[in-house]
Amino acid sequence: MTPQMITYDDVISRLTWPEAVETLRAGHLLPKAEVGDLFLGPPEGTLLSRAAYIEGLGYGLKSVTVFGRNPQAGLPSVQGAMFVFEPEHGQLQAIIESRLVTEFKTAADSVLGATLLARPDSQSLLIVGAGTVARSLIRAYSAVMPSLRRIGIWSRRAAQADALAQEFDLDGIEVLAEPDLPAAAARADIISTATMARDPILKADWVRPGTHVDLIGAFKADMREADDALISTGSLYVDSRDTTIDHIGELKIPIAAGVITAEAVRGDLYDLIKSPACGRQKAEEITIFKNGGGAHLDLMIARFIAARAEREAG
């Protein structure tokens, strides 16, 4: 088998957000994944390798470097590749540019969580952060959640939020920069945080009853975006217990401090998809979803991308 070499530009125009979300939904009906992560290097320059095996789907390994200061040099902060191996003989099926997998995995993960936990009449989305992830969140949420009428963007650098908002002209959805984070959070039905924060950037005092909070940015043990009060009072869910509770600061730090216990996590995507009743119980409930972005999600999306590329090539 000659592996496919798939770049971002090869297939980006042929992938859709609803299909990506449904790929993750279907993937959670398969046997539970085996996963393993490896972090090497200092905080300012980390090699992150994530591997997964899913029975019937195969094997996947994504290795990327994460350099937070790279944009100052005109370079991407995350660079790498995803290796996909077929399940029957372990042959290398595809090598995919990592940003293609990560873009669709990350946003589809969050939007799937929102479809399961947010109020179905949610009209206002606030995105905290204005980088690459924020751009894909705008595309994914607007494509999958038809109730949305307003998408606000807040960034520490106001000019970056303004520039991102001006990129979009969506039918029926206003996209605008928000100058005041507390005020914008207080108006939002869904808040999605996509920052590189190591200290909480979102406070419970700003979040109104009924809001769905989608936490994306913290991916290491020393990173978090929500304060203790929010984490301890909202109804807490994760995409995967195995890749978040003992690995990511959003949960590890408050657990270590005694603010919450691991049992505070009410469910993950496996639970929510197989038993939807474990999700939101009432309209005024604040739901919190931690997007950990584990390797099993990369594998699900990578197989989707490889299948689409193979079909188009044939």
Protein backbone atom coordinates (compact mmCIF):
# COMPACT_ATOMS: atom_id res chain seq x y z
CA MET A 1 0.00 0.00 0.00
CA THR A 2 1.39 3.38 -1.01
CA PRO A 3 0.27 5.90 1.62
CA GLN A 4 -1.63 8.97 0.56
CA MET A 5 0.15 12.27 1.17
CA ILE A 6 -2.60 14.76 2.00
CA THR A 7 -1.96 18.47 2.47
CA TYR A 8 -4.32 21.12 3.76
CA ASP A 9 -4.88 22.61 0.31
CA ASP A 10 -5.56 19.19 -1.23
CA VAL A 11 -8.94 18.65 0.39
CA ILE A 12 -9.98 21.64 2.52
CA SER A 13 -12.55 22.77 -0.03
CA ARG A 14 -14.18 19.31 -0.07
CA LEU A 15 -14.74 18.88 3.67
CA THR A 16 -17.82 20.13 5.51
CA TRP A 17 -18.42 20.87 9.17
CA PRO A 18 -21.67 18.91 9.50
CA GLU A 19 -19.89 15.82 8.15
CA ALA A 20 -16.99 16.31 10.57
CA VAL A 21 -19.35 16.58 13.54
CA GLU A 22 -21.25 13.49 12.45
CA THR A 23 -17.94 11.64 12.01
CA LEU A 24 -17.14 12.25 15.68
CA ARG A 25 -20.66 11.32 16.74
CA ALA A 26 -20.45 8.01 14.87
CA GLY A 27 -16.94 7.36 16.15
CA HIS A 28 -18.19 7.34 19.73
CA LEU A 29 -20.49 4.42 18.92
CA LEU A 30 -17.42 2.29 18.14
CA PRO A 31 -15.49 0.42 20.87
CA LYS A 32 -13.75 2.79 23.27
CA ALA A 33 -10.36 4.00 22.10
CA GLU A 34 -6.95 3.25 23.57
CA VAL A 35 -4.91 6.46 23.79
CA GLY A 36 -1.45 7.62 24.81
CA ASP A 37 0.20 11.05 24.91
CA LEU A 38 3.85 12.18 25.05
CA PHE A 39 5.03 15.71 25.85
CA LEU A 40 8.68 16.69 25.46
CA GLY A 41 10.49 20.00 25.73
CA PRO A 42 10.05 23.30 27.56
CA PRO A 43 6.73 25.21 27.79
CA GLU A 44 7.78 27.65 25.08
CA GLY A 45 8.63 24.86 22.62
CA THR A 46 6.91 21.51 23.12
CA LEU A 47 6.80 18.33 21.04
CA LEU A 48 3.37 16.75 21.47
CA SER A 49 2.74 13.23 20.18
CA ARG A 50 -0.67 11.62 20.55
CA ALA A 51 -1.52 8.06 19.55
CA ALA A 52 -4.79 6.12 19.41
CA TYR A 53 -6.18 2.73 18.48
CA ILE A 54 -9.88 2.12 17.81
CA GLU A 55 -11.07 -1.40 17.02
CA GLY A 56 -12.36 -1.49 13.46
CA LEU A 57 -10.92 1.94 12.62
CA GLY A 58 -7.19 1.43 12.99
CA TYR A 59 -4.27 3.31 14.45
CA GLY A 60 -3.23 6.94 14.39
CA LEU A 61 -0.28 9.03 15.55
CA LYS A 62 -0.12 12.81 15.39
CA SER A 63 3.17 14.52 16.21
CA VAL A 64 3.37 18.30 16.33
CA THR A 65 5.58 21.01 17.76
CA VAL A 66 3.87 23.82 19.67
CA PHE A 67 5.79 27.13 19.74
CA GLY A 68 3.57 29.88 21.14
CA ARG A 69 5.86 32.70 19.97
CA ASN A 70 6.10 31.53 16.36
CA PRO A 71 3.48 34.00 15.03
CA GLN A 72 5.86 36.82 15.95
CA ALA A 73 8.28 35.29 13.44
CA GLY A 74 5.58 34.81 10.83
CA LEU A 75 5.37 31.05 11.43
CA PRO A 76 2.53 28.77 12.59
CA SER A 77 2.55 28.03 16.30
CA VAL A 78 1.67 24.36 15.62
CA GLN A 79 3.40 22.25 12.92
CA GLY A 80 3.46 18.51 12.24
CA ALA A 81 1.81 15.49 10.62
CA MET A 82 -0.74 12.74 11.28
CA PHE A 83 0.04 9.10 10.43
CA VAL A 84 -2.93 6.80 9.79
CA PHE A 85 -2.54 2.99 9.80
CA GLU A 86 -5.26 0.62 8.60
CA PRO A 87 -6.57 -1.95 11.12
CA GLU A 88 -6.15 -5.29 9.31
CA HIS A 89 -2.39 -5.37 8.65
CA GLY A 90 -1.17 -2.13 10.22
CA GLN A 91 -0.16 -0.66 6.86
CA LEU A 92 0.44 3.08 6.66
CA GLN A 93 -2.62 4.42 4.86
CA ALA A 94 -2.07 8.18 4.90
CA ILE A 95 0.17 11.00 6.06
CA ILE A 96 -1.92 14.11 6.60
CA GLU A 97 -0.80 17.66 7.31
CA SER A 98 -1.53 18.10 11.01
CA ARG A 99 -3.28 21.46 10.78
CA LEU A 100 -5.98 19.94 8.57
CA VAL A 101 -6.73 17.22 11.13
CA THR A 102 -6.45 19.56 14.11
CA GLU A 103 -8.66 22.27 12.61
CA PHE A 104 -11.54 19.90 11.93
CA LYS A 105 -11.04 17.81 15.08
CA THR A 106 -10.91 20.77 17.46
CA ALA A 107 -13.90 22.72 16.23
CA ALA A 108 -16.04 19.65 15.49
CA ASP A 109 -15.34 18.36 19.02
CA SER A 110 -16.61 21.60 20.56
CA VAL A 111 -19.62 21.88 18.29
CA LEU A 112 -20.60 18.28 18.96
CA GLY A 113 -20.42 19.06 22.68
CA ALA A 114 -22.60 22.12 22.17
CA THR A 115 -25.23 20.22 20.19
CA LEU A 116 -25.48 17.81 23.13
CA LEU A 117 -25.32 20.32 26.00
CA ALA A 118 -26.25 23.86 24.94
CA ARG A 119 -29.85 25.05 24.95
CA PRO A 120 -31.29 24.29 21.50
CA ASP A 121 -32.57 27.86 21.20
CA SER A 122 -29.10 29.40 21.75
CA GLN A 123 -28.72 32.49 19.57
CA SER A 124 -25.55 34.23 20.79
CA LEU A 125 -22.02 32.78 20.69
CA LEU A 126 -19.00 34.53 22.23
CA ILE A 127 -15.55 33.36 21.14
CA VAL A 128 -12.72 34.34 23.48
CA GLY A 129 -9.58 34.48 21.38
CA ALA A 130 -9.08 35.52 17.76
CA GLY A 131 -6.55 33.10 16.36
CA THR A 132 -6.72 30.12 14.03
CA VAL A 133 -9.04 28.11 16.28
CA ALA A 134 -11.44 31.04 16.59
CA ARG A 135 -11.72 31.23 12.80
CA SER A 136 -12.65 27.55 12.51
CA LEU A 137 -15.10 27.88 15.40
CA ILE A 138 -16.99 30.60 13.54
CA ARG A 139 -17.24 28.35 10.50
CA ALA A 140 -18.19 25.23 12.43
CA TYR A 141 -20.75 26.72 14.81
CA SER A 142 -22.46 28.71 12.05
CA ALA A 143 -22.66 25.61 9.79
CA VAL A 144 -24.07 23.25 12.43
CA MET A 145 -26.18 25.38 14.80
CA PRO A 146 -28.97 27.07 12.78
CA SER A 147 -30.35 28.94 15.81
CA LEU A 148 -27.32 31.28 16.01
CA ARG A 149 -27.91 34.92 15.16
CA ARG A 150 -24.85 36.63 16.65
CA ILE A 151 -21.17 35.69 17.00
CA GLY A 152 -19.00 37.98 19.10
CA ILE A 153 -15.20 37.83 19.23
CA TRP A 154 -13.06 39.12 22.08
CA SER A 155 -9.27 39.23 22.10
CA ARG A 156 -6.67 40.87 24.29
CA ARG A 157 -5.57 42.52 21.05
CA ALA A 158 -8.69 44.34 19.93
CA ALA A 159 -7.36 44.85 16.40
CA GLN A 160 -7.08 41.08 15.95
CA ALA A 161 -10.72 40.60 16.93
CA ASP A 162 -11.77 43.39 14.55
CA ALA A 163 -9.82 41.86 11.66
CA LEU A 164 -11.28 38.41 12.22
CA ALA A 165 -14.84 39.71 12.43
CA GLN A 166 -14.40 41.53 9.13
CA GLU A 167 -13.49 38.28 7.36
CA PHE A 168 -17.04 36.97 7.71
CA ASP A 169 -20.30 37.87 6.01
CA LEU A 170 -22.67 35.13 7.14
CA ASP A 171 -26.27 34.91 6.05
CA GLY A 172 -28.49 35.66 9.04
CA ILE A 173 -25.62 35.83 11.57
CA GLU A 174 -23.98 39.05 12.75
CA VAL A 175 -20.23 38.67 13.41
CA LEU A 176 -18.60 41.45 15.40
CA ALA A 177 -15.71 42.27 17.71
CA GLU A 178 -16.54 42.67 21.40
CA PRO A 179 -14.59 45.33 23.35
CA ASP A 180 -15.68 44.28 26.87
CA LEU A 181 -15.24 40.64 27.89
CA PRO A 182 -17.38 40.62 31.07
CA ALA A 183 -20.27 42.37 29.32
CA ALA A 184 -20.06 40.13 26.27
CA ALA A 185 -19.94 36.98 28.42
CA ALA A 186 -23.03 38.12 30.33
CA ARG A 187 -25.01 38.33 27.05
CA ALA A 188 -23.89 35.05 25.51
CA ASP A 189 -25.79 31.78 25.30
CA ILE A 190 -22.58 29.91 24.41
CA ILE A 191 -19.04 30.96 25.37
CA SER A 192 -16.15 29.27 23.59
CA THR A 193 -12.64 29.98 24.91
CA ALA A 194 -9.69 29.36 22.59
CA THR A 195 -6.68 31.01 24.20
CA MET A 196 -3.17 30.10 25.35
CA ALA A 197 -4.01 31.25 28.90
CA ARG A 198 -2.23 29.69 31.85
CA ASP A 199 -4.37 31.57 34.38
CA PRO A 200 -8.18 31.79 34.31
CA ILE A 201 -9.56 34.24 31.78
CA LEU A 202 -13.28 33.48 32.24
CA LYS A 203 -15.02 34.15 35.58
CA ALA A 204 -18.19 32.65 36.99
CA ASP A 205 -19.51 36.10 37.92
CA TRP A 206 -19.80 36.97 34.22
CA VAL A 207 -21.73 33.86 33.14
CA ARG A 208 -25.53 33.94 33.29
CA PRO A 209 -27.78 30.96 34.04
CA GLY A 210 -28.45 28.73 31.05
CA THR A 211 -25.10 29.40 29.36
CA HIS A 212 -23.04 26.64 27.77
CA VAL A 213 -19.28 27.08 28.28
CA ASP A 214 -16.93 25.44 25.78
CA LEU A 215 -13.32 25.37 27.08
CA ILE A 216 -10.72 24.61 24.41
CA GLY A 217 -7.41 26.37 25.00
CA ALA A 218 -5.85 24.58 27.97
CA PHE A 219 -4.10 21.46 26.65
CA LYS A 220 -1.30 21.05 29.22
CA ALA A 221 -1.10 20.49 32.97
CA ASP A 222 -0.20 24.13 33.71
CA MET A 223 -2.95 25.73 31.62
CA ARG A 224 -6.54 26.72 32.40
CA GLU A 225 -9.17 29.21 31.20
CA ALA A 226 -12.08 29.02 33.74
CA ASP A 227 -11.85 30.14 37.37
CA ASP A 228 -12.51 27.89 40.35
CA ALA A 229 -15.99 29.28 40.93
CA LEU A 230 -17.11 28.44 37.39
CA ILE A 231 -15.56 24.97 37.37
CA SER A 232 -17.11 24.13 40.75
CA THR A 233 -20.63 25.44 40.15
CA GLY A 234 -21.36 24.46 36.54
CA SER A 235 -22.39 21.00 35.32
CA LEU A 236 -19.05 19.64 34.14
CA TYR A 237 -18.51 17.41 31.09
CA VAL A 238 -15.46 16.45 29.01
CA ASP A 239 -14.86 14.99 25.58
CA SER A 240 -12.97 12.06 27.14
CA ARG A 241 -12.31 11.25 30.78
CA ASP A 242 -9.12 9.43 29.78
CA THR A 243 -7.49 12.44 28.11
CA THR A 244 -8.58 15.29 30.39
CA ILE A 245 -9.01 14.55 34.11
CA ASP A 246 -5.42 13.51 34.85
CA HIS A 247 -3.76 15.47 32.06
CA ILE A 248 -5.09 19.01 31.67
CA GLY A 249 -4.75 21.89 34.12
CA GLU A 250 -8.36 22.95 33.63
CA LEU A 251 -9.25 19.94 35.79
CA LYS A 252 -5.96 18.85 37.39
CA ILE A 253 -5.35 22.19 39.14
CA PRO A 254 -8.77 22.52 40.85
CA ILE A 255 -8.76 18.80 41.71
CA ALA A 256 -5.33 19.12 43.35
CA ALA A 257 -6.53 22.18 45.28
CA GLY A 258 -9.63 20.36 46.54
CA VAL A 259 -12.01 22.66 44.67
CA ILE A 260 -13.60 19.69 42.87
CA THR A 261 -13.06 15.95 42.66
CA ALA A 262 -12.75 13.80 39.55
CA GLU A 263 -16.31 12.64 40.25
CA ALA A 264 -17.54 16.17 39.45
CA VAL A 265 -17.28 15.22 35.76
CA ARG A 266 -20.79 14.04 34.91
CA GLY A 267 -19.98 12.46 31.59
CA ASP A 268 -17.94 12.46 28.41
CA LEU A 269 -18.88 12.15 24.74
CA TYR A 270 -19.17 8.37 25.00
CA ASP A 271 -21.73 8.85 27.78
CA LEU A 272 -23.59 11.73 26.14
CA ILE A 273 -23.97 10.05 22.76
CA LYS A 274 -25.01 6.67 24.13
CA SER A 275 -27.18 8.13 26.95
CA PRO A 276 -28.24 11.70 26.05
CA ALA A 277 -30.30 11.94 29.25
CA CYS A 278 -27.09 12.44 31.24
CA GLY A 279 -26.71 15.90 29.68
CA ARG A 280 -28.40 19.22 30.47
CA GLN A 281 -31.26 18.78 32.95
CA LYS A 282 -32.85 22.24 32.91
CA ALA A 283 -32.79 25.45 30.90
CA GLU A 284 -31.14 27.59 33.61
CA GLU A 285 -28.29 25.12 34.18
CA ILE A 286 -24.75 26.24 33.29
CA THR A 287 -23.05 23.44 31.36
CA ILE A 288 -19.28 23.28 30.96
CA PHE A 289 -17.56 21.17 28.30
CA LYS A 290 -13.80 20.64 28.35
CA ASN A 291 -12.46 19.99 24.86
CA GLY A 292 -9.31 17.94 25.44
CA GLY A 293 -8.85 17.01 21.80
CA GLY A 294 -7.50 13.49 22.36
CA ALA A 295 -5.79 11.32 19.77
CA HIS A 296 -8.89 9.18 19.26
CA LEU A 297 -10.65 12.26 17.85
CA ASP A 298 -7.69 12.91 15.55
CA LEU A 299 -7.96 9.33 14.30
CA MET A 300 -11.70 9.60 13.64
CA ILE A 301 -11.24 12.83 11.67
CA ALA A 302 -8.12 11.59 9.87
CA ARG A 303 -9.93 8.50 8.60
CA PHE A 304 -12.75 10.77 7.39
CA ILE A 305 -10.24 13.01 5.57
CA ALA A 306 -8.37 10.06 4.05
CA ALA A 307 -11.59 8.50 2.80
CA ARG A 308 -12.67 11.77 1.22
CA ALA A 309 -9.28 12.27 -0.45
CA GLU A 310 -9.28 8.70 -1.78
CA ARG A 311 -12.81 9.08 -3.14
CA GLU A 312 -11.95 12.33 -4.86
CA ALA A 313 -8.78 10.83 -6.34
CA GLY A 314 -10.73 7.85 -7.69
